PDB file of N, CA and C in Angstrom:
ATOM      1  N   MET A   1       0.841  -1.185   0.000  1.00  0.00           N
ATOM      2  CA  MET A   1       0.000   0.000   0.000  1.00  0.00           C
ATOM      3  C   MET A   1       0.881   1.242   0.000  1.00  0.00           C
ATOM      4  N   LYS A   2       0.462   2.245  -0.735  1.00  0.00           N
ATOM      5  CA  LYS A   2       1.248   3.465  -0.844  1.00  0.00           C
ATOM      6  C   LYS A   2       1.242   4.227   0.472  1.00  0.00           C
ATOM      7  N   LYS A   3       2.302   4.927   0.716  1.00  0.00           N
ATOM      8  CA  LYS A   3       2.391   5.799   1.883  1.00  0.00           C
ATOM      9  C   LYS A   3       1.668   7.112   1.600  1.00  0.00           C
ATOM     10  N   ALA A   4       1.306   7.802   2.659  1.00  0.00           N
ATOM     11  CA  ALA A   4       0.614   9.081   2.526  1.00  0.00           C
ATOM     12  C   ALA A   4       1.452  10.082   1.739  1.00  0.00           C
ATOM     13  N   GLU A   5       2.756  10.077   1.962  1.00  0.00           N
ATOM     14  CA  GLU A   5       3.630  11.015   1.252  1.00  0.00           C
ATOM     15  C   GLU A   5       3.537  10.819  -0.255  1.00  0.00           C
ATOM     16  N   ALA A   6       3.579   9.570  -0.699  1.00  0.00           N
ATOM     17  CA  ALA A   6       3.505   9.288  -2.130  1.00  0.00           C
ATOM     18  C   ALA A   6       2.153   9.715  -2.699  1.00  0.00           C
ATOM     19  N   LEU A   7       1.084   9.467  -1.956  1.00  0.00           N
ATOM     20  CA  LEU A   7      -0.244   9.842  -2.426  1.00  0.00           C
ATOM     21  C   LEU A   7      -0.379  11.357  -2.550  1.00  0.00           C
ATOM     22  N   ILE A   8       0.068  12.081  -1.535  1.00  0.00           N
ATOM     23  CA  ILE A   8      -0.011  13.547  -1.577  1.00  0.00           C
ATOM     24  C   ILE A   8       0.823  14.090  -2.725  1.00  0.00           C
ATOM     25  N   ASN A   9       1.997  13.527  -2.940  1.00  0.00           N
ATOM     26  CA  ASN A   9       2.827  13.967  -4.061  1.00  0.00           C
ATOM     27  C   ASN A   9       2.160  13.679  -5.400  1.00  0.00           C
ATOM     28  N   GLU A  10       1.532  12.514  -5.527  1.00  0.00           N
ATOM     29  CA  GLU A  10       0.835  12.170  -6.769  1.00  0.00           C
ATOM     30  C   GLU A  10      -0.325  13.115  -7.050  1.00  0.00           C
ATOM     31  N   LEU A  11      -0.946  13.611  -5.992  1.00  0.00           N
ATOM     32  CA  LEU A  11      -2.078  14.523  -6.156  1.00  0.00           C
ATOM     33  C   LEU A  11      -1.645  15.965  -6.401  1.00  0.00           C
ATOM     34  N   GLY A  12      -0.340  16.217  -6.416  1.00  0.00           N
ATOM     35  CA  GLY A  12       0.158  17.553  -6.746  1.00  0.00           C
ATOM     36  C   GLY A  12       0.790  18.298  -5.592  1.00  0.00           C
ATOM     37  N   GLY A  13       0.926  17.664  -4.445  1.00  0.00           N
ATOM     38  CA  GLY A  13       1.573  18.300  -3.302  1.00  0.00           C
ATOM     39  C   GLY A  13       0.566  18.876  -2.316  1.00  0.00           C
ATOM     40  N   PRO A  14       1.066  19.316  -1.163  1.00  0.00           N
ATOM     41  CA  PRO A  14       0.200  19.820  -0.100  1.00  0.00           C
ATOM     42  C   PRO A  14      -0.689  20.995  -0.496  1.00  0.00           C
ATOM     43  N   THR A  15      -0.167  21.927  -1.275  1.00  0.00           N
ATOM     44  CA  THR A  15      -0.957  23.092  -1.667  1.00  0.00           C
ATOM     45  C   THR A  15      -2.147  22.687  -2.519  1.00  0.00           C
ATOM     46  N   ARG A  16      -1.906  21.858  -3.503  1.00  0.00           N
ATOM     47  CA  ARG A  16      -2.995  21.431  -4.386  1.00  0.00           C
ATOM     48  C   ARG A  16      -4.024  20.594  -3.626  1.00  0.00           C
ATOM     49  N   VAL A  17      -3.569  19.709  -2.725  1.00  0.00           N
ATOM     50  CA  VAL A  17      -4.503  18.899  -1.941  1.00  0.00           C
ATOM     51  C   VAL A  17      -5.354  19.798  -1.044  1.00  0.00           C
ATOM     52  N   ALA A  18      -4.714  20.769  -0.399  1.00  0.00           N
ATOM     53  CA  ALA A  18      -5.460  21.696   0.465  1.00  0.00           C
ATOM     54  C   ALA A  18      -6.495  22.476  -0.337  1.00  0.00           C
ATOM     55  N   LYS A  19      -6.156  22.875  -1.555  1.00  0.00           N
ATOM     56  CA  LYS A  19      -7.118  23.579  -2.400  1.00  0.00           C
ATOM     57  C   LYS A  19      -8.285  22.673  -2.765  1.00  0.00           C
ATOM     58  N   LYS A  20      -8.000  21.417  -3.101  1.00  0.00           N
ATOM     59  CA  LYS A  20      -9.064  20.474  -3.447  1.00  0.00           C
ATOM     60  C   LYS A  20      -9.988  20.226  -2.263  1.00  0.00           C
ATOM     61  N   MET A  21      -9.432  20.250  -1.059  1.00  0.00           N
ATOM     62  CA  MET A  21     -10.219  20.007   0.146  1.00  0.00           C
ATOM     63  C   MET A  21     -10.968  21.252   0.607  1.00  0.00           C
ATOM     64  N   GLY A  22     -10.599  22.418   0.057  1.00  0.00           N
ATOM     65  CA  GLY A  22     -11.238  23.665   0.461  1.00  0.00           C
ATOM     66  C   GLY A  22     -10.696  24.225   1.760  1.00  0.00           C
ATOM     67  N   ILE A  23      -9.453  23.878   2.109  1.00  0.00           N
ATOM     68  CA  ILE A  23      -8.843  24.369   3.350  1.00  0.00           C
ATOM     69  C   ILE A  23      -7.596  25.195   3.071  1.00  0.00           C
ATOM     70  N   TYR A  24      -7.517  25.750   1.864  1.00  0.00           N
ATOM     71  CA  TYR A  24      -6.377  26.585   1.486  1.00  0.00           C
ATOM     72  C   TYR A  24      -6.649  28.017   1.923  1.00  0.00           C
ATOM     73  N   PRO A  25      -5.703  28.760   2.396  1.00  0.00           N
ATOM     74  CA  PRO A  25      -4.282  28.505   2.594  1.00  0.00           C
ATOM     75  C   PRO A  25      -3.939  27.932   3.976  1.00  0.00           C
ATOM     76  N   ALA A  26      -4.862  28.052   4.921  1.00  0.00           N
ATOM     77  CA  ALA A  26      -4.540  27.643   6.294  1.00  0.00           C
ATOM     78  C   ALA A  26      -4.227  26.153   6.418  1.00  0.00           C
ATOM     79  N   GLY A  27      -4.767  25.319   5.555  1.00  0.00           N
ATOM     80  CA  GLY A  27      -4.598  23.878   5.688  1.00  0.00           C
ATOM     81  C   GLY A  27      -3.368  23.294   5.024  1.00  0.00           C
ATOM     82  N   VAL A  28      -2.566  24.103   4.356  1.00  0.00           N
ATOM     83  CA  VAL A  28      -1.391  23.578   3.654  1.00  0.00           C
ATOM     84  C   VAL A  28      -0.426  22.909   4.635  1.00  0.00           C
ATOM     85  N   ALA A  29      -0.180  23.536   5.764  1.00  0.00           N
ATOM     86  CA  ALA A  29       0.736  22.958   6.753  1.00  0.00           C
ATOM     87  C   ALA A  29       0.183  21.648   7.296  1.00  0.00           C
ATOM     88  N   ARG A  30      -1.126  21.588   7.491  1.00  0.00           N
ATOM     89  CA  ARG A  30      -1.755  20.357   7.980  1.00  0.00           C
ATOM     90  C   ARG A  30      -1.523  19.218   6.997  1.00  0.00           C
ATOM     91  N   VAL A  31      -1.782  19.480   5.711  1.00  0.00           N
ATOM     92  CA  VAL A  31      -1.592  18.454   4.691  1.00  0.00           C
ATOM     93  C   VAL A  31      -0.113  18.067   4.607  1.00  0.00           C
ATOM     94  N   TYR A  32       0.772  19.034   4.707  1.00  0.00           N
ATOM     95  CA  TYR A  32       2.201  18.736   4.685  1.00  0.00           C
ATOM     96  C   TYR A  32       2.575  17.783   5.829  1.00  0.00           C
ATOM     97  N   ASN A  33       2.028  18.011   7.004  1.00  0.00           N
ATOM     98  CA  ASN A  33       2.326  17.139   8.142  1.00  0.00           C
ATOM     99  C   ASN A  33       1.837  15.710   7.914  1.00  0.00           C
ATOM    100  N   TRP A  34       0.767  15.543   7.154  1.00  0.00           N
ATOM    101  CA  TRP A  34       0.271  14.203   6.866  1.00  0.00           C
ATOM    102  C   TRP A  34       1.276  13.382   6.077  1.00  0.00           C
ATOM    103  N   LYS A  35       2.182  14.046   5.358  1.00  0.00           N
ATOM    104  CA  LYS A  35       3.189  13.315   4.605  1.00  0.00           C
ATOM    105  C   LYS A  35       4.073  12.482   5.539  1.00  0.00           C
ATOM    106  N   LYS A  36       4.270  12.935   6.741  1.00  0.00           N
ATOM    107  CA  LYS A  36       5.096  12.215   7.721  1.00  0.00           C
ATOM    108  C   LYS A  36       4.264  11.431   8.726  1.00  0.00           C
ATOM    109  N   ARG A  37       3.123  11.986   9.117  1.00  0.00           N
ATOM    110  CA  ARG A  37       2.304  11.375  10.179  1.00  0.00           C
ATOM    111  C   ARG A  37       1.230  10.436   9.653  1.00  0.00           C
ATOM    112  N   GLY A  38       0.905  10.558   8.375  1.00  0.00           N
ATOM    113  CA  GLY A  38      -0.164   9.768   7.790  1.00  0.00           C
ATOM    114  C   GLY A  38      -1.452  10.568   7.721  1.00  0.00           C
ATOM    115  N   ILE A  39      -2.290  10.210   6.793  1.00  0.00           N
ATOM    116  CA  ILE A  39      -3.581  10.871   6.629  1.00  0.00           C
ATOM    117  C   ILE A  39      -4.543  10.262   7.643  1.00  0.00           C
ATOM    118  N   PRO A  40      -5.150  11.077   8.500  1.00  0.00           N
ATOM    119  CA  PRO A  40      -6.108  10.528   9.462  1.00  0.00           C
ATOM    120  C   PRO A  40      -7.262   9.817   8.744  1.00  0.00           C
ATOM    121  N   ALA A  41      -7.706   8.737   9.318  1.00  0.00           N
ATOM    122  CA  ALA A  41      -8.753   7.925   8.689  1.00  0.00           C
ATOM    123  C   ALA A  41     -10.018   8.733   8.425  1.00  0.00           C
ATOM    124  N   HIS A  42     -10.422   9.563   9.372  1.00  0.00           N
ATOM    125  CA  HIS A  42     -11.664  10.331   9.168  1.00  0.00           C
ATOM    126  C   HIS A  42     -11.533  11.318   8.013  1.00  0.00           C
ATOM    127  N   VAL A  43     -10.338  11.853   7.804  1.00  0.00           N
ATOM    128  CA  VAL A  43     -10.115  12.778   6.681  1.00  0.00           C
ATOM    129  C   VAL A  43     -10.171  12.007   5.374  1.00  0.00           C
ATOM    130  N   TYR A  44      -9.517  10.850   5.348  1.00  0.00           N
ATOM    131  CA  TYR A  44      -9.536  10.040   4.131  1.00  0.00           C
ATOM    132  C   TYR A  44     -10.969   9.681   3.749  1.00  0.00           C
ATOM    133  N   LEU A  45     -11.764   9.289   4.719  1.00  0.00           N
ATOM    134  CA  LEU A  45     -13.143   8.890   4.429  1.00  0.00           C
ATOM    135  C   LEU A  45     -14.017  10.080   4.069  1.00  0.00           C
ATOM    136  N   GLN A  46     -13.823  11.216   4.741  1.00  0.00           N
ATOM    137  CA  GLN A  46     -14.617  12.411   4.449  1.00  0.00           C
ATOM    138  C   GLN A  46     -14.324  12.943   3.051  1.00  0.00           C
ATOM    139  N   TYR A  47     -13.066  12.856   2.628  1.00  0.00           N
ATOM    140  CA  TYR A  47     -12.653  13.374   1.325  1.00  0.00           C
ATOM    141  C   TYR A  47     -12.279  12.231   0.384  1.00  0.00           C
ATOM    142  N   SER A  48     -13.050  11.168   0.421  1.00  0.00           N
ATOM    143  CA  SER A  48     -12.739   9.992  -0.393  1.00  0.00           C
ATOM    144  C   SER A  48     -12.741  10.317  -1.886  1.00  0.00           C
ATOM    145  N   HIS A  49     -13.481  11.337  -2.290  1.00  0.00           N
ATOM    146  CA  HIS A  49     -13.483  11.735  -3.695  1.00  0.00           C
ATOM    147  C   HIS A  49     -12.122  12.288  -4.130  1.00  0.00           C
ATOM    148  N   ILE A  50     -11.334  12.760  -3.195  1.00  0.00           N
ATOM    149  CA  ILE A  50      -9.981  13.251  -3.504  1.00  0.00           C
ATOM    150  C   ILE A  50      -8.969  12.122  -3.385  1.00  0.00           C
ATOM    151  N   PHE A  51      -9.087  11.330  -2.318  1.00  0.00           N
ATOM    152  CA  PHE A  51      -8.137  10.246  -2.047  1.00  0.00           C
ATOM    153  C   PHE A  51      -8.653   8.917  -2.579  1.00  0.00           C
ATOM    154  N   LYS A  52      -9.235   8.921  -3.751  1.00  0.00           N
ATOM    155  CA  LYS A  52      -9.898   7.731  -4.285  1.00  0.00           C
ATOM    156  C   LYS A  52      -8.938   6.674  -4.827  1.00  0.00           C
ATOM    157  N   THR A  53      -7.663   6.860  -4.689  1.00  0.00           N
ATOM    158  CA  THR A  53      -6.715   5.900  -5.241  1.00  0.00           C
ATOM    159  C   THR A  53      -6.594   4.636  -4.403  1.00  0.00           C
ATOM    160  N   TYR A  54      -7.102   4.656  -3.171  1.00  0.00           N
ATOM    161  CA  TYR A  54      -7.068   3.479  -2.319  1.00  0.00           C
ATOM    162  C   TYR A  54      -8.428   2.797  -2.314  1.00  0.00           C
ATOM    163  N   PRO A  55      -8.472   1.494  -2.558  1.00  0.00           N
ATOM    164  CA  PRO A  55      -9.743   0.784  -2.395  1.00  0.00           C
ATOM    165  C   PRO A  55     -10.200   0.822  -0.939  1.00  0.00           C
ATOM    166  N   ALA A  56     -11.486   0.872  -0.709  1.00  0.00           N
ATOM    167  CA  ALA A  56     -12.027   1.012   0.642  1.00  0.00           C
ATOM    168  C   ALA A  56     -11.590  -0.111   1.568  1.00  0.00           C
ATOM    169  N   TYR A  57     -11.466  -1.316   1.065  1.00  0.00           N
ATOM    170  CA  TYR A  57     -11.079  -2.415   1.956  1.00  0.00           C
ATOM    171  C   TYR A  57      -9.664  -2.237   2.481  1.00  0.00           C
ATOM    172  N   GLU A  58      -8.786  -1.653   1.691  1.00  0.00           N
ATOM    173  CA  GLU A  58      -7.425  -1.405   2.156  1.00  0.00           C
ATOM    174  C   GLU A  58      -7.409  -0.321   3.219  1.00  0.00           C
ATOM    175  N   VAL A  59      -8.247   0.687   3.068  1.00  0.00           N
ATOM    176  CA  VAL A  59      -8.348   1.753   4.056  1.00  0.00           C
ATOM    177  C   VAL A  59      -8.790   1.170   5.391  1.00  0.00           C
ATOM    178  N   CYS A  60      -9.836   0.372   5.369  1.00  0.00           N
ATOM    179  CA  CYS A  60     -10.332  -0.231   6.610  1.00  0.00           C
ATOM    180  C   CYS A  60      -9.267  -1.102   7.266  1.00  0.00           C
ATOM    181  N   ARG A  61      -8.508  -1.829   6.485  1.00  0.00           N
ATOM    182  CA  ARG A  61      -7.448  -2.678   7.031  1.00  0.00           C
ATOM    183  C   ARG A  61      -6.382  -1.821   7.709  1.00  0.00           C
ATOM    184  N   GLU A  62      -5.973  -0.742   7.072  1.00  0.00           N
ATOM    185  CA  GLU A  62      -4.941   0.120   7.646  1.00  0.00           C
ATOM    186  C   GLU A  62      -5.453   0.844   8.882  1.00  0.00           C
ATOM    187  N   VAL A  63      -6.686   1.297   8.856  1.00  0.00           N
ATOM    188  CA  VAL A  63      -7.248   1.996  10.005  1.00  0.00           C
ATOM    189  C   VAL A  63      -7.290   1.073  11.206  1.00  0.00           C
ATOM    190  N   SER A  64      -7.673  -0.166  10.993  1.00  0.00           N
ATOM    191  CA  SER A  64      -7.761  -1.089  12.116  1.00  0.00           C
ATOM    192  C   SER A  64      -6.386  -1.385  12.693  1.00  0.00           C
ATOM    193  N   LYS A  65      -5.335  -1.291  11.889  1.00  0.00           N
ATOM    194  CA  LYS A  65      -3.976  -1.553  12.367  1.00  0.00           C
ATOM    195  C   LYS A  65      -3.391  -0.347  13.110  1.00  0.00           C
ATOM    196  N   GLU A  66      -3.516   0.848  12.498  1.00  0.00           N
ATOM    197  CA  GLU A  66      -2.756   1.996  12.972  1.00  0.00           C
ATOM    198  C   GLU A  66      -3.592   3.194  13.399  1.00  0.00           C
ATOM    199  N   GLY A  67      -4.774   3.328  12.889  1.00  0.00           N
ATOM    200  CA  GLY A  67      -5.579   4.505  13.177  1.00  0.00           C
ATOM    201  C   GLY A  67      -5.360   5.636  12.191  1.00  0.00           C
ATOM    202  N   THR A  68      -4.322   5.543  11.364  1.00  0.00           N
ATOM    203  CA  THR A  68      -4.053   6.535  10.314  1.00  0.00           C
ATOM    204  C   THR A  68      -3.540   5.813   9.094  1.00  0.00           C
ATOM    205  N   LEU A  69      -3.497   6.517   7.972  1.00  0.00           N
ATOM    206  CA  LEU A  69      -2.918   5.963   6.753  1.00  0.00           C
ATOM    207  C   LEU A  69      -1.486   6.368   6.630  1.00  0.00           C
TER     208      LEU A  69
END
C-alpha cells in the first residue's frame, strides 16, 4: 500500500490537496504534516473523492492496524 507522502505527491503536493479540500491557505501545513504522520482515517473517508486511489477495503485494514494511513 502506498504511503501518505507518495499519495499527496501524486495529487500535486500539499498546496494542491489543500485547495481540493477547500482548506487553502490555512490547511497547507496540515496536509504537509500528513506526509510524515499519515492521513487521518476520518479525513480520508470524508474526502474519499480526492483520495480515491485506495480501495475502501485497504483503508479499513490500515485503520484497524494503525488509526491513520
